[in-house]
Every structure is written in structure tokens, then in C-alpha cells.
Protein backbone atom coordinates (compact mmCIF):
# COMPACT_ATOMS: atom_id res chain seq x y z
CA MET A 1 0.00 0.00 0.00
CA PRO A 2 2.75 2.56 0.78
CA LYS A 3 4.26 1.96 -2.68
CA ILE A 4 0.94 2.65 -4.41
CA ARG A 5 0.51 6.18 -2.99
CA PRO A 6 3.58 7.71 -4.70
CA VAL A 7 2.56 6.11 -8.00
CA CYS A 8 -0.94 7.52 -7.67
CA GLY A 9 0.52 10.92 -6.88
CA VAL A 10 2.72 10.85 -9.98
CA ILE A 11 -0.20 9.77 -12.17
CA LEU A 12 -2.37 12.54 -10.73
CA ALA A 13 0.36 15.12 -11.29
CA LEU A 14 0.77 13.99 -14.91
CA MET A 15 -3.00 14.25 -15.43
CA ILE A 16 -3.00 17.78 -14.09
CA ALA A 17 0.00 18.74 -16.24
CA VAL A 18 -1.62 17.33 -19.39
CA PHE A 19 -4.83 19.06 -18.43
CA CYS A 20 -3.18 22.47 -17.95
CA PHE A 21 -1.14 22.34 -21.17
CA ASN A 22 -4.17 21.56 -23.32
CA PRO A 23 -4.89 24.64 -25.54
CA GLN A 24 -8.63 24.55 -24.80
CA VAL A 25 -7.93 24.30 -21.09
CA ARG A 26 -5.63 27.30 -21.25
CA THR A 27 -8.58 29.22 -22.69
CA LEU A 28 -10.58 28.15 -19.66
CA LEU A 29 -7.83 29.25 -17.28
CA SER A 30 -7.69 32.66 -18.97
CA LEU A 31 -11.31 33.44 -18.06
CA PRO A 32 -11.61 36.62 -15.93
CA GLU A 33 -11.42 36.27 -12.17
CA TYR A 34 -14.30 38.72 -11.70
CA GLN A 35 -17.60 39.09 -13.50
CA GLN A 36 -20.46 41.54 -13.05
CA MET A 37 -24.03 40.78 -14.07
CA VAL A 38 -27.47 42.36 -13.80
CA VAL A 39 -30.35 40.32 -12.38
CA GLY A 40 -32.05 38.48 -15.22
CA GLU A 41 -28.91 38.56 -17.36
CA SER A 42 -27.12 35.40 -18.46
CA SER A 43 -23.53 34.73 -19.44
CA HIS A 44 -22.38 31.70 -21.41
CA ILE A 45 -18.99 30.00 -21.09
CA ASP A 46 -18.27 27.91 -24.15
CA LEU A 47 -16.16 24.78 -23.66
CA ASP A 48 -14.41 22.96 -26.46
CA LEU A 49 -12.60 20.28 -24.51
CA PRO A 50 -11.74 16.67 -25.20
CA GLN A 51 -14.66 14.51 -24.16
CA GLN A 52 -12.69 12.75 -21.42
CA LEU A 53 -11.75 16.07 -19.78
CA GLU A 54 -15.20 17.60 -20.23
CA ASN A 55 -16.83 14.66 -18.45
CA ARG A 56 -14.52 15.20 -15.45
CA LEU A 57 -14.97 18.96 -15.28
CA VAL A 58 -17.70 20.39 -13.04
CA MET A 59 -18.82 24.00 -12.57
CA GLN A 60 -20.71 24.89 -9.41
CA VAL A 61 -21.55 27.72 -7.02
CA THR A 62 -19.10 27.58 -4.13
CA LYS A 63 -20.05 30.51 -1.92
CA PRO A 64 -23.42 31.81 -0.70
CA THR A 65 -24.68 35.26 -1.56
CA HIS A 66 -24.19 38.29 0.70
CA SER A 67 -26.88 40.89 0.11
CA VAL A 68 -29.57 42.77 1.98
CA PHE A 69 -31.92 42.03 -0.91
CA SER A 70 -32.02 38.26 -0.59
CA ASN A 71 -31.87 35.36 1.84
CA PRO A 72 -28.18 34.78 2.67
CA VAL A 73 -28.45 31.04 2.00
CA ASP A 74 -29.85 31.45 -1.50
CA PRO A 75 -27.41 31.62 -4.41
CA ALA A 76 -27.17 34.83 -6.37
CA VAL A 77 -26.72 32.82 -9.56
CA THR A 78 -27.64 29.47 -10.97
CA ILE A 79 -25.59 27.34 -13.37
CA ASN A 80 -27.06 25.42 -16.28
CA ARG A 81 -25.08 22.98 -18.42
CA ASP A 82 -25.80 22.54 -22.12
CA ALA A 83 -24.13 20.96 -25.12
CA LYS A 84 -21.72 23.88 -25.61
CA GLY A 85 -20.70 24.60 -22.03
CA TYR A 86 -22.18 26.37 -19.03
CA GLU A 87 -24.66 29.22 -18.65
CA ILE A 88 -24.58 31.48 -15.58
CA VAL A 89 -27.92 33.16 -14.84
CA ALA A 90 -28.19 36.04 -12.34
CA LEU A 91 -31.13 35.41 -10.00
CA LYS A 92 -30.80 37.93 -7.19
CA PRO A 93 -28.57 40.85 -6.19
CA GLY A 94 -25.53 39.69 -4.26
CA GLN A 95 -22.00 38.35 -4.45
CA THR A 96 -20.92 34.76 -4.90
CA SER A 97 -18.23 32.60 -6.50
CA VAL A 98 -18.41 29.89 -9.12
CA GLN A 99 -15.68 27.31 -9.56
CA PHE A 100 -14.53 24.73 -12.08
CA THR A 101 -13.24 21.56 -10.43
CA LEU A 102 -11.58 18.48 -11.86
CA LEU A 103 -12.79 15.10 -10.65
CA GLY A 104 -15.12 16.93 -8.30
CA TYR A 105 -12.49 18.21 -5.85
CA ILE A 106 -9.41 19.61 -7.65
CA PRO A 107 -9.98 23.40 -8.12
CA VAL A 108 -9.11 24.63 -11.62
CA LYS A 109 -10.64 28.11 -11.98
CA SER A 110 -12.68 30.38 -9.70
CA ILE A 111 -14.73 33.38 -10.79
CA ALA A 112 -16.11 35.95 -8.34
CA VAL A 113 -19.55 37.07 -9.52
CA LYS A 114 -21.36 40.22 -8.45
CA THR A 115 -25.02 40.51 -9.43
CA LEU A 116 -26.69 43.92 -9.49
CA PRO A 117 -30.37 44.87 -9.32
CA PRO A 118 -31.81 46.55 -12.41
CA ARG A 119 -31.80 50.32 -12.03
CA ARG A 120 -33.52 53.13 -13.93
CA LEU A 121 -32.53 56.79 -13.96
CA VAL A 122 -33.73 59.95 -15.64
CA VAL A 123 -31.25 60.80 -18.39
CA GLY A 124 -29.63 64.22 -18.09
CA GLY A 125 -28.24 66.38 -20.86
CA HIS A 126 -29.43 69.57 -19.17
CA SER A 127 -27.03 72.51 -19.24
CA ILE A 128 -26.25 73.49 -15.65
CA GLY A 129 -24.52 76.34 -13.90
CA VAL A 130 -22.24 75.14 -11.11
CA MET A 131 -21.35 77.40 -8.18
CA LEU A 132 -18.94 75.91 -5.69
CA GLN A 133 -17.50 77.42 -2.54
CA SER A 134 -14.34 75.78 -1.28
CA ARG A 135 -13.63 74.54 2.23
CA GLY A 136 -11.00 77.09 3.16
CA ILE A 137 -9.51 79.97 1.19
CA MET A 138 -7.27 78.72 -1.62
CA VAL A 139 -3.94 80.42 -2.25
CA VAL A 140 -3.58 80.87 -6.02
CA GLY A 141 -0.67 83.34 -6.26
CA PHE A 142 1.57 85.90 -4.58
CA ALA A 143 1.08 89.66 -4.77
CA PRO A 144 4.00 91.99 -3.94
CA ILE A 145 3.53 94.74 -1.35
CA THR A 146 5.38 97.95 -2.17
CA LYS A 147 6.82 99.77 0.83
CA GLU A 148 7.59 103.50 1.17
CA ASN A 149 11.16 103.05 -0.03
CA GLY A 150 9.95 101.23 -3.16
CA THR A 151 11.02 97.74 -2.10
CA LYS A 152 8.64 94.84 -2.57
CA GLU A 153 7.89 92.25 0.05
CA TYR A 154 5.98 88.95 0.15
CA PRO A 155 5.15 88.32 3.84
CA ALA A 156 3.09 85.13 3.33
CA ARG A 157 5.47 83.57 0.84
CA ASP A 158 8.48 84.35 3.02
CA SER A 159 6.71 82.73 5.97
CA GLY A 160 6.30 79.44 4.13
CA VAL A 161 2.83 79.71 2.58
CA GLN A 162 2.64 77.91 -0.78
CA ILE A 163 0.37 78.07 -3.81
CA GLY A 164 -2.39 75.50 -3.36
CA ASP A 165 -2.57 75.89 0.42
CA LEU A 166 -6.01 76.21 1.99
CA ILE A 167 -6.29 78.86 4.69
CA MET A 168 -8.71 77.41 7.26
CA GLN A 169 -8.32 79.79 10.23
CA VAL A 170 -6.73 83.13 11.05
CA ASN A 171 -5.88 83.78 14.71
CA GLY A 172 -8.17 80.92 15.67
CA LYS A 173 -11.15 82.25 13.70
CA ARG A 174 -12.62 80.26 10.83
CA VAL A 175 -12.55 81.90 7.40
CA THR A 176 -14.94 80.89 4.61
CA SER A 177 -14.68 83.79 2.17
CA GLU A 178 -12.21 86.28 0.78
CA ASN A 179 -13.99 89.02 2.73
CA ASP A 180 -13.47 87.12 6.00
CA LEU A 181 -9.75 86.90 5.33
CA ALA A 182 -9.39 90.54 4.24
CA ARG A 183 -11.26 91.80 7.31
CA LEU A 184 -9.16 89.79 9.77
CA VAL A 185 -5.90 90.86 8.10
CA ASP A 186 -6.86 94.53 7.98
CA ASN A 187 -8.22 94.69 11.53
CA THR A 188 -5.21 93.10 13.23
CA GLY A 189 -3.78 95.91 15.35
CA ASP A 190 -0.16 94.81 15.53
CA GLY A 191 -0.27 92.95 12.22
CA GLN A 192 0.65 89.60 13.82
CA LEU A 193 -1.29 86.74 12.28
CA VAL A 194 -1.31 82.99 12.83
CA LEU A 195 -2.66 81.07 9.82
CA ASN A 196 -3.88 77.50 10.13
CA ILE A 197 -3.55 76.00 6.66
CA LYS A 198 -4.19 72.66 5.01
CA ARG A 199 -1.57 71.44 2.55
CA GLN A 200 -2.81 68.30 0.83
CA ASP A 201 -3.36 65.94 3.80
CA ARG A 202 -1.35 67.91 6.36
CA PHE A 203 -2.41 70.73 8.69
CA LEU A 204 0.22 73.38 9.34
CA THR A 205 0.61 76.68 11.18
CA ARG A 206 2.36 79.76 9.80
CA SER A 207 3.06 83.05 11.59
CA ILE A 208 2.94 86.13 9.36
CA LYS A 209 3.42 89.84 9.87
CA ALA A 210 0.84 91.85 7.87
CA ILE A 211 2.36 95.09 6.63
CA PRO A 212 0.76 98.36 5.46
CA CYS A 213 0.36 98.72 1.70
CA GLN A 214 1.02 102.16 0.21
CA GLU A 215 -1.27 101.50 -2.75
CA THR A 216 -4.38 100.42 -0.81
CA GLY A 217 -3.79 102.04 2.56
CA ARG A 218 -4.57 98.71 4.25
CA ARG A 219 -2.60 95.88 5.79
CA ARG A 220 -1.82 92.99 3.45
CA ILE A 221 0.04 89.68 3.52
CA GLY A 222 0.78 89.49 -0.22
CA LEU A 223 -1.56 86.77 -1.48
CA PHE A 224 -3.97 86.17 -4.33
CA VAL A 225 -6.73 83.94 -2.99
CA ARG A 226 -9.98 82.39 -4.20
CA ASP A 227 -12.93 81.08 -2.22
CA GLY A 228 -14.86 79.37 -4.99
CA ILE A 229 -15.44 78.83 -8.68
CA ALA A 230 -18.32 78.79 -11.13
CA GLY A 231 -18.84 77.40 -14.60
CA VAL A 232 -21.11 75.63 -17.04
CA GLY A 233 -21.39 71.85 -17.34
CA THR A 234 -23.93 69.12 -18.08
CA LEU A 235 -26.18 67.01 -15.85
CA THR A 236 -25.65 63.27 -16.36
CA PHE A 237 -28.49 61.60 -14.47
CA TRP A 238 -31.15 62.06 -11.80
CA ASP A 239 -32.59 59.36 -9.53
CA PRO A 240 -36.37 59.86 -9.11
CA GLU A 241 -36.43 57.78 -5.92
CA SER A 242 -33.71 59.55 -3.93
CA LYS A 243 -33.57 62.86 -5.88
CA GLU A 244 -29.81 62.39 -6.16
CA TYR A 245 -27.95 63.49 -9.28
CA GLY A 246 -24.55 63.12 -10.88
CA ALA A 247 -22.90 65.58 -13.26
CA LEU A 248 -19.67 66.44 -15.10
CA GLY A 249 -18.07 62.99 -14.80
CA HIS A 250 -14.77 64.43 -13.56
CA ILE A 251 -13.49 66.45 -10.63
CA ILE A 252 -13.61 70.25 -10.63
CA LEU A 253 -10.05 71.55 -10.48
CA ASP A 254 -8.95 75.05 -9.60
CA ALA A 255 -7.69 76.59 -12.84
CA ASP A 256 -4.51 78.00 -11.25
CA THR A 257 -3.42 75.34 -8.77
CA ARG A 258 -4.83 72.31 -10.69
CA GLN A 259 -6.00 70.89 -7.36
CA GLY A 260 -9.44 69.48 -6.64
CA VAL A 261 -11.75 71.91 -4.84
CA GLU A 262 -12.96 70.68 -1.44
CA VAL A 263 -16.65 71.44 -1.08
CA LEU A 264 -17.86 73.74 1.69
CA LYS A 265 -21.16 74.39 -0.02
CA GLY A 266 -22.42 74.80 -3.53
CA LYS A 267 -25.39 74.58 -5.82
CA ILE A 268 -26.41 73.79 -9.36
CA VAL A 269 -28.95 75.76 -11.37
CA SER A 270 -30.18 75.73 -14.94
CA ALA A 271 -27.98 77.41 -17.53
CA SER A 272 -28.82 78.69 -20.98
CA VAL A 273 -26.23 78.28 -23.74
CA GLN A 274 -25.89 81.63 -25.54
CA THR A 275 -23.08 80.94 -27.98
CA LEU A 276 -20.53 78.32 -28.96
CA LYS A 277 -16.80 78.61 -29.47
CA MET A 278 -15.79 75.99 -32.00
CA GLY A 279 -12.95 73.64 -31.12
CA SER A 280 -9.92 72.90 -33.27
CA PRO A 281 -6.68 70.92 -32.79
CA GLY A 282 -4.81 72.51 -29.90
CA GLN A 283 -7.66 74.94 -29.16
CA PRO A 284 -10.58 73.43 -27.22
CA GLY A 285 -13.98 74.95 -27.89
CA GLU A 286 -16.40 76.17 -25.27
CA LYS A 287 -20.05 76.61 -24.42
CA ILE A 288 -20.78 80.14 -23.23
CA GLY A 289 -23.94 80.48 -21.18
CA VAL A 290 -25.77 82.33 -18.43
CA PHE A 291 -27.24 80.98 -15.21
CA ASN A 292 -31.00 80.78 -14.80
CA ASN A 293 -32.14 80.52 -11.18
CA SER A 294 -35.77 79.96 -12.24
CA GLY A 295 -35.05 77.02 -14.59
CA GLN A 296 -35.86 73.32 -14.20
CA VAL A 297 -32.66 72.36 -12.36
CA ALA A 298 -31.95 73.36 -8.76
CA GLY A 299 -29.93 71.45 -6.20
CA ASN A 300 -26.99 71.35 -3.83
CA ILE A 301 -23.45 70.04 -4.25
CA SER A 302 -22.27 67.65 -1.56
CA ARG A 303 -19.26 66.01 -3.23
CA ASN A 304 -16.64 66.98 -5.80
CA THR A 305 -14.92 63.72 -6.74
CA GLY A 306 -12.86 62.14 -9.48
CA TYR A 307 -16.13 60.81 -10.93
CA GLY A 308 -17.98 64.14 -10.97
CA ILE A 309 -20.11 66.28 -8.68
CA PHE A 310 -23.01 64.84 -6.72
CA GLY A 311 -25.85 66.08 -4.55
CA THR A 312 -29.62 66.24 -4.33
CA THR A 313 -32.16 68.43 -6.09
CA SER A 314 -35.00 70.42 -4.61
CA VAL A 315 -37.12 69.88 -7.74
CA ASP A 316 -38.03 66.92 -9.93
CA ILE A 317 -36.02 66.56 -13.14
CA THR A 318 -37.50 65.42 -16.43
CA ASN A 319 -36.07 64.92 -19.90
CA PRO A 320 -38.36 65.85 -22.80
CA LEU A 321 -36.64 63.30 -25.06
CA ASN A 322 -37.64 60.38 -22.81
CA ASP A 323 -41.04 59.94 -21.19
CA TYR A 324 -39.64 57.43 -18.69
CA PRO A 325 -36.35 56.70 -16.90
CA LEU A 326 -33.86 54.61 -18.85
CA GLU A 327 -32.23 51.41 -17.64
CA VAL A 328 -28.63 51.70 -16.49
CA GLY A 329 -26.06 49.92 -18.64
CA TYR A 330 -22.97 48.77 -16.75
CA ALA A 331 -19.40 48.51 -18.04
CA HIS A 332 -19.69 44.85 -19.04
CA GLN A 333 -22.71 45.72 -21.20
CA VAL A 334 -21.01 48.50 -23.16
CA LYS A 335 -20.05 47.55 -26.71
CA THR A 336 -18.11 49.26 -29.47
CA GLY A 337 -20.32 50.82 -32.11
CA HIS A 338 -23.11 53.38 -32.37
CA ALA A 339 -24.30 55.42 -29.39
CA GLU A 340 -25.77 58.86 -28.68
CA ILE A 341 -24.96 61.74 -26.39
CA TYR A 342 -27.50 64.13 -24.90
CA THR A 343 -26.42 67.76 -24.57
CA VAL A 344 -27.45 71.39 -25.11
CA ILE A 345 -25.96 73.59 -27.81
CA ASN A 346 -28.63 76.29 -27.98
CA GLY A 347 -30.59 77.82 -25.12
CA ASP A 348 -31.87 75.08 -22.83
CA GLN A 349 -32.99 72.59 -25.50
CA ILE A 350 -31.62 69.08 -24.98
CA GLU A 351 -30.71 67.30 -28.23
CA LYS A 352 -29.39 63.88 -29.27
CA PHE A 353 -26.20 63.57 -31.29
CA SER A 354 -24.59 60.52 -32.85
CA VAL A 355 -21.24 59.20 -31.61
CA VAL A 356 -19.24 56.02 -32.10
CA ILE A 357 -17.72 54.09 -29.19
CA GLU A 358 -14.39 53.03 -30.66
CA LYS A 359 -12.76 51.35 -27.64
CA VAL A 360 -13.98 49.97 -24.33
CA TYR A 361 -11.79 49.42 -21.26
CA PRO A 362 -14.13 47.77 -18.70
CA GLN A 363 -11.49 47.56 -15.94
CA ARG A 364 -10.50 51.23 -15.99
CA GLN A 365 -11.50 53.23 -12.93
CA ASN A 366 -10.06 56.60 -13.97
CA GLY A 367 -12.94 58.09 -15.93
CA LYS A 368 -11.47 56.97 -19.26
CA GLY A 369 -13.33 53.73 -19.80
CA MET A 370 -14.51 54.53 -23.33
CA VAL A 371 -12.97 56.23 -26.34
CA ILE A 372 -15.73 58.01 -28.25
CA LYS A 373 -15.78 59.77 -31.61
CA VAL A 374 -18.31 62.40 -32.58
CA ASP A 375 -19.65 61.57 -36.04
CA ASP A 376 -22.81 63.68 -36.03
CA PRO A 377 -22.49 66.11 -38.99
CA ARG A 378 -24.51 68.88 -37.33
CA LEU A 379 -22.61 68.77 -34.04
CA LEU A 380 -19.29 68.72 -35.89
CA SER A 381 -20.28 71.74 -37.96
CA LEU A 382 -21.22 73.73 -34.85
CA THR A 383 -18.61 72.68 -32.29
CA GLY A 384 -15.92 70.69 -34.09
CA GLY A 385 -16.56 67.82 -31.69
CA ILE A 386 -16.32 67.80 -27.88
CA ILE A 387 -16.02 71.20 -26.23
CA GLN A 388 -15.82 72.64 -22.72
CA GLY A 389 -19.22 72.62 -21.02
CA MET A 390 -20.07 69.26 -22.60
CA SER A 391 -18.53 67.31 -19.71
CA GLY A 392 -21.22 65.19 -18.10
CA SER A 393 -23.27 64.76 -21.28
CA PRO A 394 -24.85 61.31 -20.87
CA ILE A 395 -23.97 58.54 -23.33
CA VAL A 396 -26.87 56.26 -24.31
CA GLN A 397 -26.48 52.93 -26.12
CA ASN A 398 -29.24 50.42 -26.88
CA ASN A 399 -31.69 52.50 -24.87
CA ARG A 400 -29.47 52.30 -21.76
CA ILE A 401 -27.57 55.13 -20.07
CA ILE A 402 -24.01 53.80 -19.97
CA GLY A 403 -21.87 56.78 -18.95
CA ALA A 404 -20.90 60.37 -19.65
CA VAL A 405 -18.46 62.46 -21.68
CA THR A 406 -15.45 63.48 -19.56
CA HIS A 407 -12.33 64.33 -21.56
CA VAL A 408 -11.49 65.72 -24.98
CA PHE A 409 -8.36 64.90 -26.96
CA LEU A 410 -6.81 68.34 -27.18
CA ASN A 411 -5.23 67.71 -30.59
CA ASP A 412 -8.30 65.93 -31.95
CA PRO A 413 -11.55 67.42 -30.57
CA GLN A 414 -13.61 64.92 -32.54
CA HIS A 415 -12.41 62.28 -30.03
CA GLY A 416 -12.71 62.05 -26.28
CA TYR A 417 -13.14 59.77 -23.29
CA GLY A 418 -16.24 58.65 -21.46
CA ILE A 419 -16.75 57.43 -17.90
CA PHE A 420 -18.84 54.35 -17.07
CA MET A 421 -22.04 54.63 -15.05
CA ASP A 422 -20.51 52.05 -12.69
CA ASN A 423 -17.98 54.64 -11.57
CA MET A 424 -20.46 57.48 -11.11
CA LEU A 425 -22.98 55.33 -9.26
CA SER A 426 -20.26 54.12 -6.90
CA GLU A 427 -20.25 57.62 -5.42
CA ILE A 428 -23.95 57.60 -4.58
CA GLU A 429 -23.55 55.81 -1.24
CA GLN A 430 -20.90 58.30 -0.16
CA ASN A 431 -23.17 61.06 -1.39
CA LYS A 432 -25.99 59.88 0.88
CA ILE A 433 -23.76 60.38 3.91
CA SER A 434 -22.52 63.79 2.77
CA SER A 435 -26.01 65.01 1.89
CA LYS A 436 -26.88 65.09 5.60
CA ILE A 437 -24.31 67.83 6.07
CA PHE A 438 -24.90 70.12 3.09
CA SER A 439 -28.21 71.76 2.28
CA THR A 440 -29.58 73.90 -0.51
CA LYS A 441 -31.00 76.21 2.16
CA ASN A 442 -27.62 77.91 2.44
CA PRO A 443 -26.98 80.02 -0.68
CA VAL A 444 -23.50 80.38 -2.10
CA THR A 445 -22.06 83.87 -1.85
CA GLY A 446 -18.80 85.56 -2.63
CA ILE A 447 -17.82 83.31 -5.54
CA ASN A 448 -15.42 84.51 -8.21
CA LYS A 449 -16.77 83.79 -11.71
CA LEU A 450 -13.87 81.67 -12.89
CA ALA A 451 -15.13 78.94 -15.20
CA PHE A 452 -13.85 75.41 -14.76
CA LYS A 453 -13.11 73.48 -17.92
CA LEU A 454 -13.66 70.06 -19.38
CA ASN A 455 -10.54 67.96 -18.92
CA SER A 456 -8.23 67.72 -21.91
CA ASP A 457 -5.83 65.01 -22.98
CA TYR A 458 -3.02 65.21 -25.46
CA LYS A 459 -3.18 62.39 -28.00
């Protein structure tokens, strides 16, 4: 008996080696380790294996589901075998694993499966005005102070303040606007100031001596600062159940520091497009519009993230091009080929324009999951392709909302990137938490009208 065990082990090892080096088996082993499905959707795995191997190969659910929507002992998927292979059918929302085993107990390949509930959203396309006040006063430059003898000094810079810093407090008092900062600096009797600043993820303290300025007759510390920004963008979607929205598809960056703006408070309103600046290679175009506080869109801004801005609306949003919410299409459902974008190029009228999805990168999480090309003759004649203010324009394919326009290729405005709905919807849960803090009841004031721009990429 002891002599038989090593022989059996060698035979088993040889079987596994032959199994793994089989070309069809290598195709099986190259299957993705993760798969996402929508309830009701099916996915087929074709097998073209030698009959002897196929008879010894079994696919089964190995882990129970974990979801608040279903009984934890019920599987999220079921597996059906047919003449060509195996079919995975999504039954309920949840997470599970399926596994191929050889001889019933030797694991060959495991696939983690996440099943999602069907979801419907109101498609955007609305032109919106975005007004955002930052958390802290952002340092965007240095301004020299001329003394009586003609010399120029930079008190803040010489004390270690840097461009991009956020001034949070002055002498222990919170500052939320440029006026707050100017008043505290000017009213300091001896000119001694202690600034509490945030630099990326660090909190620092800097002591500064404010000096009299001959030009203004007031004390200054030699800084250019900004407390907020405003610009025109596009609404991507609105959830009729929670009244939550997503827009832009990318983070709002300060134009001077190129840093993301931390939200203190903000709001979105309707915007009317007045004129268009056509784009050309090296020169991105632009929508030029005016804000309309009495339009259809009104809401707060709770988050400014890499996937766009998010918040809740105080009014219901509708889209005249669709009488009902559209089903969400997730990354695994996006295909190359024809699609449409919804956007405004005149006044507040939402229109559909033809685009082609040329490439799809389902695993990308950076807002560049799709490469799109504008092929609509009318849109090309008016804008040259993708222009600033078009960021957030929803992309619809096969009657599903699948994502939004985010980036333009600076040297080829006919092309750009799109973000998947998966990415934007991933922010909704975080948005629910943040929405408890921010409210549309607090209006935004003291914002400099510096337009943010659609992200550009050199290609």
C-alpha cells in the first residue's frame, strides 16, 4: 500500500500537467477572475474540450450570496449545463463565487460574480450652472507689497505659505470667504497673524506679519486667494427615488493650482447656452452660457470627486426626449459601435447627437473607460466635436444610459473619453452620507466667476 501512494501521486500530477497544457484548457484558465451581471442577465462560457476532460470537469456555485436584498443562504446565480458549455444566470442581487473543479475536488478556476439589481434613472443632458465654494480659502498666487522706499515684500510667501494651500483659520477664527480673510488681516492691530492652513493631507501653522500697503492704505500679507469657482457643465443623471444626481463625470479643479476643490457648499442651477466657441486641434472649444435661477434644475453640491459632482435636487427633473427613466447599462454591457450623447448647444434645449464608441476598457476606474468619436455632422459643424461645457453629457447605447463624456483629446476634438455609469454610481452611497451635512437652504455667496473646464488630454 505505501508503494501505491507515490505512484498515484505521480499519475495525478501527470494528469493535471496534461490538463493544464491543453490549448482549450488554457482558454478556460484565462477566463476573468471577476464578472459583473445584472439580475435576469445570463452569461455563457463555451467549452471545447476533449470529451474525457469535459466529463470530469464540473462547474458549481461555491459561496453563498451576501446581500440585503435576498436570503443569505440562497445563491445569487444558478448554473445550467448545455451541449456547448455552461450558462450562468443572475437570479438575485448579491455576491458569490463559481468554480470549475476536476474530478469533483481539484480546483481549476474560480470566478467571483457580483449581481446587481436593475436600475432606472432619468437621463440628463441639461445645461447646468455650477457654483462651488471651497472649504477654506485657496492660495492661487503671490502679490508683492510695495513699501515707502519702493522695495517689494511677500510676507506670506516668506513665511512658508505655498500656492495651493487652503487657509482654514486666522488667529483661531474660521474663514470661509475672501472678505473674511481681508477683514481679519486689515483689523489686526499689531499685524501679527497665525494662519492655520491645510496642505494636501497635512495641517500646518504659519506666523505672518501683515504690513501696510502704500497703494491700498490697508494691511496685506501678499496673497492672491480664491474662495470658490463657477462654470457651465452638463447634468448626467437624476434618480427619481432619492432625488440624487450626478454631473460632469470628472473632478472640478482650480484653474490655477490644478488641485481638486474641497466642497464647503455649492449649488447647481439651470444654464442657458448663448453661444458656442468651435474647437480645433490645440484649441478646445467652449459653451458660453448664463445661469438661470428659475429654470428646471436646482440642487446642492455635496461632493466633488474624481467621478464628478453629486448632490440632491430640490425639484423633480424630467427629460423631454424620454417619457420614462432609462435602464442603467454597466461597463460589461457596453459595446463598441453606435451610441448617442444628450447635450445642449442652444438655449436650454436638450438634443441627441450621434457618436461612435471606438474602444472599451471595462477595468478602468479613472474616468477613461470609453474612447468616443463624434460623427454627427450637425454637431461637428457647430462645435468641431467635444467642447468645454459638454462634460457630463450622458452617453446612451441600446436605450441604456451607460456613462458620460469626460475628456477631450486636445489635438483631436472629434475624439474624447467617457466614464462608465458604474464609476459614477459608486459615489452615490458616499453622497448619501454627505447630503446630511450640506443643504440647498444655504446660498453660495462671494464666488469669483472663474469657469472650470472640461478635462483635456493630449493624443
